[in-house]
Amino acid sequence: MAVRPIRTYPDPILKQVADPVGEIDETISEVIQDLVDTMVDSGHSVGVAAPQIGVLRRIVVVDVSKSKLGKENNHGLLQMINPIIIEKSGSKTMREGCMSVPDYTGNVTRAERIVVEFVNLSGQLRVIEASGFEAVAVQHELDHLDGLLFLDRVSSLKTDLYRRKK
């Protein structure tokens, strides 16, 4: 399909709540393919949410399998429609970055283990347990669906936000 431009902060679409997907049709398939193409093309991204490409729908893709942090523990490419975290446990603080906030990274505390329910592209309801880096990546992308950026979760913008090295 297509590599789409990433919306960057302070684009107002990034602060809006995405709408649920009803019927999974060709349009939804195209959005998912565009998300995958955009993620892969970046060369470093492990996930992208539909609002980041200007589509206010509850769709994300995540794949940490090529990252050194996620190689050992992952589900491969996750294409999630209407995802909901139904269980959380533990706590993990990691440095996060985001294509929509290209100049900064920040320390964010998230659940270490999550259970996520979503519909896949075939329309099947799936429930998976994610932990470690994959759990962090999924939570990061799901935040985009609710109009949240990692900046909203950094406990102190003075001490936990870092300018990205060019």
N, C-alpha and C. Protein backbone atom coordinates (compact mmCIF):
# COMPACT_ATOMS: atom_id res chain seq x y z
N MET A 1 0.83 -1.18 0.00
CA MET A 1 0.00 0.00 0.00
C MET A 1 0.88 1.25 0.00
N ALA A 2 1.05 1.87 1.22
CA ALA A 2 1.79 3.13 1.19
C ALA A 2 2.42 3.46 2.53
N VAL A 3 3.58 4.10 2.44
CA VAL A 3 4.20 4.68 3.62
C VAL A 3 3.54 6.04 3.80
N ARG A 4 2.98 6.27 4.97
CA ARG A 4 2.25 7.51 5.21
C ARG A 4 3.09 8.44 6.09
N PRO A 5 2.94 9.76 5.93
CA PRO A 5 3.66 10.70 6.80
C PRO A 5 3.14 10.57 8.24
N ILE A 6 4.08 10.69 9.18
CA ILE A 6 3.74 10.63 10.61
C ILE A 6 3.37 12.03 11.10
N ARG A 7 2.24 12.12 11.76
CA ARG A 7 1.84 13.37 12.38
C ARG A 7 2.73 13.60 13.60
N THR A 8 3.21 14.82 13.78
CA THR A 8 4.08 15.10 14.92
C THR A 8 3.46 16.14 15.84
N TYR A 9 3.84 16.03 17.10
CA TYR A 9 3.39 16.96 18.12
C TYR A 9 3.82 18.37 17.72
N PRO A 10 2.96 19.38 17.77
CA PRO A 10 1.66 19.47 18.45
C PRO A 10 0.43 19.27 17.55
N ASP A 11 0.50 18.45 16.51
CA ASP A 11 -0.67 18.21 15.66
C ASP A 11 -1.88 17.84 16.53
N PRO A 12 -3.00 18.56 16.40
CA PRO A 12 -4.15 18.32 17.29
C PRO A 12 -4.77 16.93 17.18
N ILE A 13 -4.58 16.25 16.06
CA ILE A 13 -5.16 14.90 15.93
C ILE A 13 -4.56 13.94 16.96
N LEU A 14 -3.31 14.20 17.38
CA LEU A 14 -2.64 13.33 18.34
C LEU A 14 -3.26 13.40 19.74
N LYS A 15 -4.05 14.42 20.00
CA LYS A 15 -4.67 14.58 21.32
C LYS A 15 -6.15 14.17 21.31
N GLN A 16 -6.62 13.63 20.19
CA GLN A 16 -8.02 13.22 20.08
C GLN A 16 -8.18 11.73 20.36
N VAL A 17 -9.37 11.36 20.83
CA VAL A 17 -9.69 9.95 21.09
C VAL A 17 -10.17 9.33 19.77
N ALA A 18 -9.59 8.19 19.43
CA ALA A 18 -9.93 7.51 18.17
C ALA A 18 -11.27 6.77 18.30
N ASP A 19 -11.97 6.67 17.18
CA ASP A 19 -13.26 5.98 17.14
C ASP A 19 -13.07 4.48 16.96
N PRO A 20 -13.97 3.68 17.58
CA PRO A 20 -13.90 2.23 17.38
C PRO A 20 -14.15 1.86 15.92
N VAL A 21 -13.62 0.73 15.52
CA VAL A 21 -13.85 0.19 14.18
C VAL A 21 -15.09 -0.68 14.25
N GLY A 22 -16.00 -0.50 13.30
CA GLY A 22 -17.19 -1.36 13.21
C GLY A 22 -16.84 -2.53 12.30
N GLU A 23 -17.26 -2.43 11.06
CA GLU A 23 -17.00 -3.48 10.08
C GLU A 23 -15.56 -3.43 9.60
N ILE A 24 -14.96 -4.60 9.48
CA ILE A 24 -13.60 -4.68 8.94
C ILE A 24 -13.74 -4.84 7.43
N ASP A 25 -13.50 -3.75 6.72
CA ASP A 25 -13.64 -3.75 5.27
C ASP A 25 -12.29 -3.45 4.61
N GLU A 26 -12.32 -3.20 3.33
CA GLU A 26 -11.09 -2.92 2.57
C GLU A 26 -10.36 -1.68 3.10
N THR A 27 -11.13 -0.68 3.52
CA THR A 27 -10.53 0.54 4.06
C THR A 27 -9.69 0.23 5.29
N ILE A 28 -10.21 -0.61 6.18
CA ILE A 28 -9.49 -0.99 7.41
C ILE A 28 -8.24 -1.79 7.04
N SER A 29 -8.38 -2.71 6.09
CA SER A 29 -7.22 -3.49 5.63
C SER A 29 -6.13 -2.57 5.09
N GLU A 30 -6.53 -1.56 4.33
CA GLU A 30 -5.56 -0.61 3.78
C GLU A 30 -4.87 0.20 4.86
N VAL A 31 -5.63 0.63 5.88
CA VAL A 31 -5.02 1.37 6.99
C VAL A 31 -3.98 0.49 7.69
N ILE A 32 -4.33 -0.76 7.94
CA ILE A 32 -3.39 -1.67 8.61
C ILE A 32 -2.14 -1.86 7.77
N GLN A 33 -2.30 -2.06 6.47
CA GLN A 33 -1.13 -2.24 5.61
C GLN A 33 -0.28 -0.97 5.59
N ASP A 34 -0.93 0.18 5.55
CA ASP A 34 -0.18 1.45 5.58
C ASP A 34 0.58 1.59 6.90
N LEU A 35 -0.04 1.18 8.01
CA LEU A 35 0.65 1.23 9.31
C LEU A 35 1.89 0.33 9.30
N VAL A 36 1.73 -0.88 8.78
CA VAL A 36 2.87 -1.82 8.72
C VAL A 36 3.96 -1.23 7.82
N ASP A 37 3.58 -0.75 6.63
CA ASP A 37 4.56 -0.18 5.70
C ASP A 37 5.30 1.01 6.32
N THR A 38 4.56 1.86 7.04
CA THR A 38 5.15 3.04 7.67
C THR A 38 6.10 2.63 8.79
N MET A 39 5.70 1.65 9.59
CA MET A 39 6.55 1.16 10.68
C MET A 39 7.85 0.56 10.12
N VAL A 40 7.73 -0.29 9.13
CA VAL A 40 8.90 -0.96 8.55
C VAL A 40 9.81 0.06 7.88
N ASP A 41 9.24 1.00 7.14
CA ASP A 41 10.02 1.99 6.42
C ASP A 41 10.85 2.87 7.35
N SER A 42 10.37 3.09 8.57
CA SER A 42 11.09 3.96 9.50
C SER A 42 12.46 3.37 9.85
N GLY A 43 12.55 2.04 9.81
CA GLY A 43 13.81 1.38 10.12
C GLY A 43 14.07 1.18 11.60
N HIS A 44 13.27 1.80 12.47
CA HIS A 44 13.54 1.68 13.91
C HIS A 44 12.27 1.56 14.74
N SER A 45 11.13 1.79 14.15
CA SER A 45 9.88 1.79 14.91
C SER A 45 9.45 0.36 15.25
N VAL A 46 8.84 0.19 16.44
CA VAL A 46 8.28 -1.10 16.83
C VAL A 46 6.76 -1.04 16.91
N GLY A 47 6.18 0.09 16.52
CA GLY A 47 4.73 0.20 16.54
C GLY A 47 4.27 1.54 16.00
N VAL A 48 3.04 1.53 15.48
CA VAL A 48 2.42 2.75 14.98
C VAL A 48 0.91 2.62 15.22
N ALA A 49 0.31 3.73 15.61
CA ALA A 49 -1.14 3.77 15.81
C ALA A 49 -1.77 4.61 14.70
N ALA A 50 -3.00 4.27 14.34
CA ALA A 50 -3.68 4.95 13.24
C ALA A 50 -3.71 6.48 13.38
N PRO A 51 -3.94 7.04 14.59
CA PRO A 51 -3.93 8.51 14.66
C PRO A 51 -2.60 9.14 14.23
N GLN A 52 -1.51 8.40 14.34
CA GLN A 52 -0.21 8.93 13.95
C GLN A 52 -0.11 9.15 12.44
N ILE A 53 -0.97 8.46 11.67
CA ILE A 53 -0.99 8.69 10.22
C ILE A 53 -2.25 9.46 9.83
N GLY A 54 -2.91 10.06 10.83
CA GLY A 54 -4.06 10.91 10.54
C GLY A 54 -5.39 10.21 10.45
N VAL A 55 -5.46 8.96 10.92
CA VAL A 55 -6.71 8.19 10.86
C VAL A 55 -7.21 7.98 12.29
N LEU A 56 -8.34 8.58 12.62
CA LEU A 56 -8.85 8.50 13.99
C LEU A 56 -9.70 7.24 14.20
N ARG A 57 -9.05 6.09 14.10
CA ARG A 57 -9.68 4.79 14.32
C ARG A 57 -8.82 4.01 15.31
N ARG A 58 -9.44 3.07 16.04
CA ARG A 58 -8.76 2.31 17.08
C ARG A 58 -8.03 1.11 16.45
N ILE A 59 -6.90 1.42 15.82
CA ILE A 59 -6.09 0.41 15.13
C ILE A 59 -4.62 0.68 15.45
N VAL A 60 -3.89 -0.38 15.82
CA VAL A 60 -2.44 -0.25 16.01
C VAL A 60 -1.75 -1.49 15.44
N VAL A 61 -0.49 -1.30 15.09
CA VAL A 61 0.38 -2.43 14.77
C VAL A 61 1.61 -2.35 15.68
N VAL A 62 2.07 -3.51 16.12
CA VAL A 62 3.25 -3.60 16.98
C VAL A 62 4.05 -4.82 16.55
N ASP A 63 5.36 -4.66 16.45
CA ASP A 63 6.24 -5.79 16.17
C ASP A 63 7.61 -5.49 16.78
N VAL A 64 7.90 -6.13 17.91
CA VAL A 64 9.18 -5.90 18.60
C VAL A 64 10.19 -6.99 18.26
N SER A 65 9.84 -7.91 17.35
CA SER A 65 10.68 -9.08 17.09
C SER A 65 12.05 -8.74 16.51
N LYS A 66 12.20 -7.59 15.87
CA LYS A 66 13.49 -7.21 15.29
C LYS A 66 14.31 -6.31 16.21
N SER A 67 13.73 -5.92 17.34
CA SER A 67 14.44 -5.09 18.31
C SER A 67 15.22 -5.96 19.27
N LYS A 68 16.42 -5.51 19.64
CA LYS A 68 17.21 -6.31 20.58
C LYS A 68 16.49 -6.45 21.92
N LEU A 69 15.63 -5.50 22.26
CA LEU A 69 14.90 -5.57 23.53
C LEU A 69 13.73 -6.56 23.49
N GLY A 70 13.25 -6.88 22.28
CA GLY A 70 12.08 -7.74 22.18
C GLY A 70 12.29 -9.06 21.50
N LYS A 71 13.53 -9.33 21.06
CA LYS A 71 13.83 -10.54 20.29
C LYS A 71 13.39 -11.84 20.97
N GLU A 72 13.61 -11.93 22.28
CA GLU A 72 13.39 -13.19 22.99
C GLU A 72 11.94 -13.42 23.39
N ASN A 73 11.11 -12.36 23.38
CA ASN A 73 9.79 -12.49 23.99
C ASN A 73 8.80 -11.64 23.21
N ASN A 74 8.16 -12.26 22.18
CA ASN A 74 7.23 -11.47 21.38
C ASN A 74 6.24 -12.35 20.63
N HIS A 75 5.22 -11.72 20.10
CA HIS A 75 4.20 -12.40 19.31
C HIS A 75 4.35 -12.10 17.81
N GLY A 76 5.49 -11.53 17.41
CA GLY A 76 5.66 -11.16 16.02
C GLY A 76 4.82 -9.94 15.70
N LEU A 77 4.35 -9.86 14.46
CA LEU A 77 3.56 -8.71 14.04
C LEU A 77 2.14 -8.82 14.59
N LEU A 78 1.78 -7.85 15.42
CA LEU A 78 0.42 -7.76 15.96
C LEU A 78 -0.33 -6.67 15.21
N GLN A 79 -1.45 -7.03 14.63
CA GLN A 79 -2.32 -6.08 13.95
C GLN A 79 -3.61 -6.05 14.77
N MET A 80 -3.78 -4.99 15.55
CA MET A 80 -4.85 -4.97 16.54
C MET A 80 -5.92 -3.93 16.21
N ILE A 81 -7.15 -4.40 16.17
CA ILE A 81 -8.32 -3.55 15.95
C ILE A 81 -9.11 -3.52 17.25
N ASN A 82 -9.49 -2.32 17.68
CA ASN A 82 -10.24 -2.12 18.92
C ASN A 82 -9.59 -2.81 20.13
N PRO A 83 -8.28 -2.62 20.32
CA PRO A 83 -7.61 -3.30 21.44
C PRO A 83 -7.99 -2.69 22.80
N ILE A 84 -8.06 -3.57 23.80
CA ILE A 84 -8.36 -3.16 25.17
C ILE A 84 -7.45 -3.95 26.10
N ILE A 85 -6.82 -3.26 27.03
CA ILE A 85 -6.04 -3.96 28.06
C ILE A 85 -7.02 -4.42 29.13
N ILE A 86 -7.07 -5.73 29.37
CA ILE A 86 -8.04 -6.26 30.33
C ILE A 86 -7.38 -6.68 31.65
N GLU A 87 -6.05 -6.68 31.65
CA GLU A 87 -5.34 -7.03 32.88
C GLU A 87 -3.95 -6.41 32.83
N LYS A 88 -3.47 -5.95 33.99
CA LYS A 88 -2.12 -5.38 34.10
C LYS A 88 -1.50 -5.86 35.39
N SER A 89 -0.18 -6.04 35.36
CA SER A 89 0.53 -6.33 36.61
C SER A 89 1.99 -5.89 36.49
N GLY A 90 2.59 -5.70 37.64
CA GLY A 90 3.99 -5.30 37.68
C GLY A 90 4.19 -3.86 37.26
N SER A 91 5.44 -3.46 37.28
CA SER A 91 5.79 -2.09 36.94
C SER A 91 7.19 -2.08 36.36
N LYS A 92 7.36 -1.32 35.28
CA LYS A 92 8.65 -1.26 34.60
C LYS A 92 8.84 0.16 34.08
N THR A 93 10.02 0.74 34.35
CA THR A 93 10.33 2.06 33.81
C THR A 93 11.34 1.89 32.69
N MET A 94 11.02 2.45 31.53
CA MET A 94 11.90 2.37 30.37
C MET A 94 11.96 3.72 29.69
N ARG A 95 13.03 3.92 28.95
CA ARG A 95 13.17 5.11 28.12
C ARG A 95 12.37 4.86 26.86
N GLU A 96 11.44 5.76 26.54
CA GLU A 96 10.61 5.63 25.36
C GLU A 96 10.85 6.78 24.40
N GLY A 97 10.68 6.47 23.14
CA GLY A 97 10.69 7.48 22.10
C GLY A 97 9.44 7.29 21.27
N CYS A 98 9.21 8.22 20.35
CA CYS A 98 7.99 8.15 19.54
C CYS A 98 8.22 8.91 18.24
N MET A 99 7.76 8.32 17.15
CA MET A 99 7.91 9.01 15.86
C MET A 99 7.15 10.33 15.84
N SER A 100 6.11 10.45 16.68
CA SER A 100 5.34 11.69 16.73
C SER A 100 5.98 12.75 17.62
N VAL A 101 7.01 12.36 18.36
CA VAL A 101 7.78 13.30 19.19
C VAL A 101 9.26 13.02 18.88
N PRO A 102 9.69 13.37 17.66
CA PRO A 102 10.99 12.90 17.16
C PRO A 102 12.22 13.44 17.89
N ASP A 103 12.11 14.55 18.58
CA ASP A 103 13.30 15.16 19.18
C ASP A 103 13.57 14.76 20.62
N TYR A 104 12.68 13.96 21.23
CA TYR A 104 12.83 13.66 22.65
C TYR A 104 12.59 12.19 22.95
N THR A 105 13.17 11.74 24.07
CA THR A 105 12.85 10.46 24.68
C THR A 105 12.57 10.76 26.15
N GLY A 106 11.95 9.80 26.83
CA GLY A 106 11.64 10.05 28.23
C GLY A 106 11.43 8.77 29.00
N ASN A 107 11.67 8.83 30.31
CA ASN A 107 11.44 7.68 31.18
C ASN A 107 9.96 7.59 31.52
N VAL A 108 9.37 6.43 31.23
CA VAL A 108 7.95 6.21 31.47
C VAL A 108 7.78 4.90 32.24
N THR A 109 6.92 4.92 33.25
CA THR A 109 6.62 3.72 34.02
C THR A 109 5.31 3.14 33.52
N ARG A 110 5.34 1.86 33.18
CA ARG A 110 4.16 1.15 32.66
C ARG A 110 4.08 -0.22 33.31
N ALA A 111 2.97 -0.92 33.09
CA ALA A 111 2.81 -2.29 33.57
C ALA A 111 3.84 -3.18 32.88
N GLU A 112 4.39 -4.13 33.60
CA GLU A 112 5.39 -5.04 33.06
C GLU A 112 4.74 -6.19 32.29
N ARG A 113 3.51 -6.53 32.67
CA ARG A 113 2.78 -7.62 32.02
C ARG A 113 1.34 -7.15 31.78
N ILE A 114 0.82 -7.41 30.58
CA ILE A 114 -0.55 -7.04 30.26
C ILE A 114 -1.25 -8.18 29.53
N VAL A 115 -2.56 -8.18 29.61
CA VAL A 115 -3.38 -9.05 28.78
C VAL A 115 -4.23 -8.12 27.92
N VAL A 116 -4.16 -8.35 26.60
CA VAL A 116 -4.84 -7.47 25.64
C VAL A 116 -5.85 -8.28 24.84
N GLU A 117 -7.04 -7.70 24.70
CA GLU A 117 -8.08 -8.29 23.88
C GLU A 117 -8.24 -7.40 22.65
N PHE A 118 -8.32 -8.01 21.49
CA PHE A 118 -8.47 -7.24 20.25
C PHE A 118 -9.07 -8.12 19.17
N VAL A 119 -9.46 -7.49 18.08
CA VAL A 119 -9.93 -8.20 16.90
C VAL A 119 -8.81 -8.13 15.87
N ASN A 120 -8.54 -9.27 15.21
CA ASN A 120 -7.50 -9.24 14.18
C ASN A 120 -8.15 -8.93 12.82
N LEU A 121 -7.33 -8.87 11.81
CA LEU A 121 -7.80 -8.49 10.47
C LEU A 121 -8.83 -9.46 9.91
N SER A 122 -8.80 -10.69 10.39
CA SER A 122 -9.78 -11.69 9.95
C SER A 122 -11.10 -11.59 10.71
N GLY A 123 -11.16 -10.66 11.66
CA GLY A 123 -12.38 -10.49 12.44
C GLY A 123 -12.47 -11.40 13.65
N GLN A 124 -11.39 -12.11 13.96
CA GLN A 124 -11.39 -13.02 15.11
C GLN A 124 -10.99 -12.28 16.37
N LEU A 125 -11.69 -12.58 17.47
CA LEU A 125 -11.34 -12.02 18.76
C LEU A 125 -10.12 -12.76 19.28
N ARG A 126 -9.09 -12.02 19.66
CA ARG A 126 -7.86 -12.62 20.18
C ARG A 126 -7.59 -12.05 21.57
N VAL A 127 -6.97 -12.85 22.41
CA VAL A 127 -6.51 -12.41 23.71
C VAL A 127 -5.08 -12.90 23.85
N ILE A 128 -4.16 -11.97 24.12
CA ILE A 128 -2.76 -12.36 24.28
C ILE A 128 -2.21 -11.78 25.57
N GLU A 129 -1.19 -12.44 26.09
CA GLU A 129 -0.45 -11.91 27.23
C GLU A 129 0.89 -11.42 26.70
N ALA A 130 1.22 -10.19 27.01
CA ALA A 130 2.50 -9.60 26.60
C ALA A 130 3.25 -9.18 27.85
N SER A 131 4.58 -9.29 27.77
CA SER A 131 5.38 -8.87 28.92
C SER A 131 6.65 -8.19 28.42
N GLY A 132 7.34 -7.55 29.35
CA GLY A 132 8.59 -6.90 29.01
C GLY A 132 8.41 -5.80 27.98
N PHE A 133 9.35 -5.73 27.04
CA PHE A 133 9.36 -4.66 26.04
C PHE A 133 8.11 -4.67 25.17
N GLU A 134 7.62 -5.87 24.84
CA GLU A 134 6.41 -5.94 24.01
C GLU A 134 5.22 -5.32 24.74
N ALA A 135 5.09 -5.59 26.04
CA ALA A 135 4.00 -5.01 26.83
C ALA A 135 4.10 -3.48 26.85
N VAL A 136 5.31 -2.98 27.01
CA VAL A 136 5.54 -1.53 27.02
C VAL A 136 5.15 -0.93 25.65
N ALA A 137 5.58 -1.57 24.57
CA ALA A 137 5.28 -1.07 23.23
C ALA A 137 3.77 -1.06 22.96
N VAL A 138 3.07 -2.11 23.38
CA VAL A 138 1.62 -2.17 23.17
C VAL A 138 0.94 -1.04 23.96
N GLN A 139 1.34 -0.85 25.21
CA GLN A 139 0.74 0.22 26.02
C GLN A 139 0.99 1.59 25.40
N HIS A 140 2.19 1.80 24.90
CA HIS A 140 2.55 3.06 24.25
C HIS A 140 1.61 3.32 23.06
N GLU A 141 1.43 2.31 22.21
CA GLU A 141 0.59 2.50 21.02
C GLU A 141 -0.88 2.68 21.39
N LEU A 142 -1.36 1.94 22.38
CA LEU A 142 -2.76 2.08 22.80
C LEU A 142 -3.03 3.46 23.38
N ASP A 143 -2.03 4.06 24.02
CA ASP A 143 -2.18 5.44 24.51
C ASP A 143 -2.55 6.39 23.37
N HIS A 144 -1.96 6.18 22.19
CA HIS A 144 -2.25 7.04 21.04
C HIS A 144 -3.75 7.02 20.70
N LEU A 145 -4.41 5.90 20.95
CA LEU A 145 -5.84 5.79 20.64
C LEU A 145 -6.70 6.64 21.57
N ASP A 146 -6.12 6.99 22.72
CA ASP A 146 -6.83 7.82 23.70
C ASP A 146 -6.30 9.25 23.74
N GLY A 147 -5.53 9.62 22.74
CA GLY A 147 -5.03 10.99 22.66
C GLY A 147 -3.90 11.29 23.63
N LEU A 148 -3.17 10.25 24.02
CA LEU A 148 -2.05 10.42 24.96
C LEU A 148 -0.73 10.16 24.26
N LEU A 149 0.27 10.96 24.62
CA LEU A 149 1.64 10.75 24.16
C LEU A 149 2.48 10.34 25.36
N PHE A 150 3.66 9.78 25.10
CA PHE A 150 4.50 9.40 26.23
C PHE A 150 4.83 10.61 27.10
N LEU A 151 4.82 11.80 26.49
CA LEU A 151 5.07 13.03 27.25
C LEU A 151 4.07 13.19 28.39
N ASP A 152 2.85 12.70 28.19
CA ASP A 152 1.81 12.80 29.21
C ASP A 152 2.08 11.86 30.38
N ARG A 153 2.96 10.89 30.20
CA ARG A 153 3.24 9.90 31.24
C ARG A 153 4.61 10.07 31.90
N VAL A 154 5.41 10.99 31.39
CA VAL A 154 6.72 11.26 32.00
C VAL A 154 6.46 11.95 33.33
N SER A 155 7.02 11.37 34.41
CA SER A 155 6.69 11.92 35.73
C SER A 155 7.24 13.33 35.93
N SER A 156 8.42 13.62 35.41
CA SER A 156 8.98 14.97 35.53
C SER A 156 9.61 15.38 34.20
N LEU A 157 9.03 16.39 33.57
CA LEU A 157 9.59 16.86 32.30
C LEU A 157 10.98 17.46 32.50
N LYS A 158 11.28 17.89 33.74
CA LYS A 158 12.61 18.46 34.02
C LYS A 158 13.69 17.38 34.13
N THR A 159 13.37 16.25 34.79
CA THR A 159 14.41 15.25 35.07
C THR A 159 14.30 14.00 34.21
N ASP A 160 13.14 13.73 33.60
CA ASP A 160 12.94 12.47 32.89
C ASP A 160 12.72 12.62 31.38
N LEU A 161 12.93 13.81 30.84
CA LEU A 161 12.80 14.03 29.41
C LEU A 161 14.16 14.39 28.85
N TYR A 162 14.53 13.76 27.73
CA TYR A 162 15.87 13.94 27.17
C TYR A 162 15.78 14.31 25.69
N ARG A 163 16.63 15.26 25.28
CA ARG A 163 16.71 15.60 23.86
C ARG A 163 17.42 14.45 23.16
N ARG A 164 16.84 14.00 22.08
CA ARG A 164 17.39 12.88 21.33
C ARG A 164 18.68 13.32 20.63
N LYS A 165 19.67 12.46 20.67
CA LYS A 165 20.93 12.76 19.97
C LYS A 165 20.71 12.60 18.48
N LYS A 166 21.18 13.53 17.71
CA LYS A 166 20.99 13.50 16.25
C LYS A 166 21.99 12.58 15.61
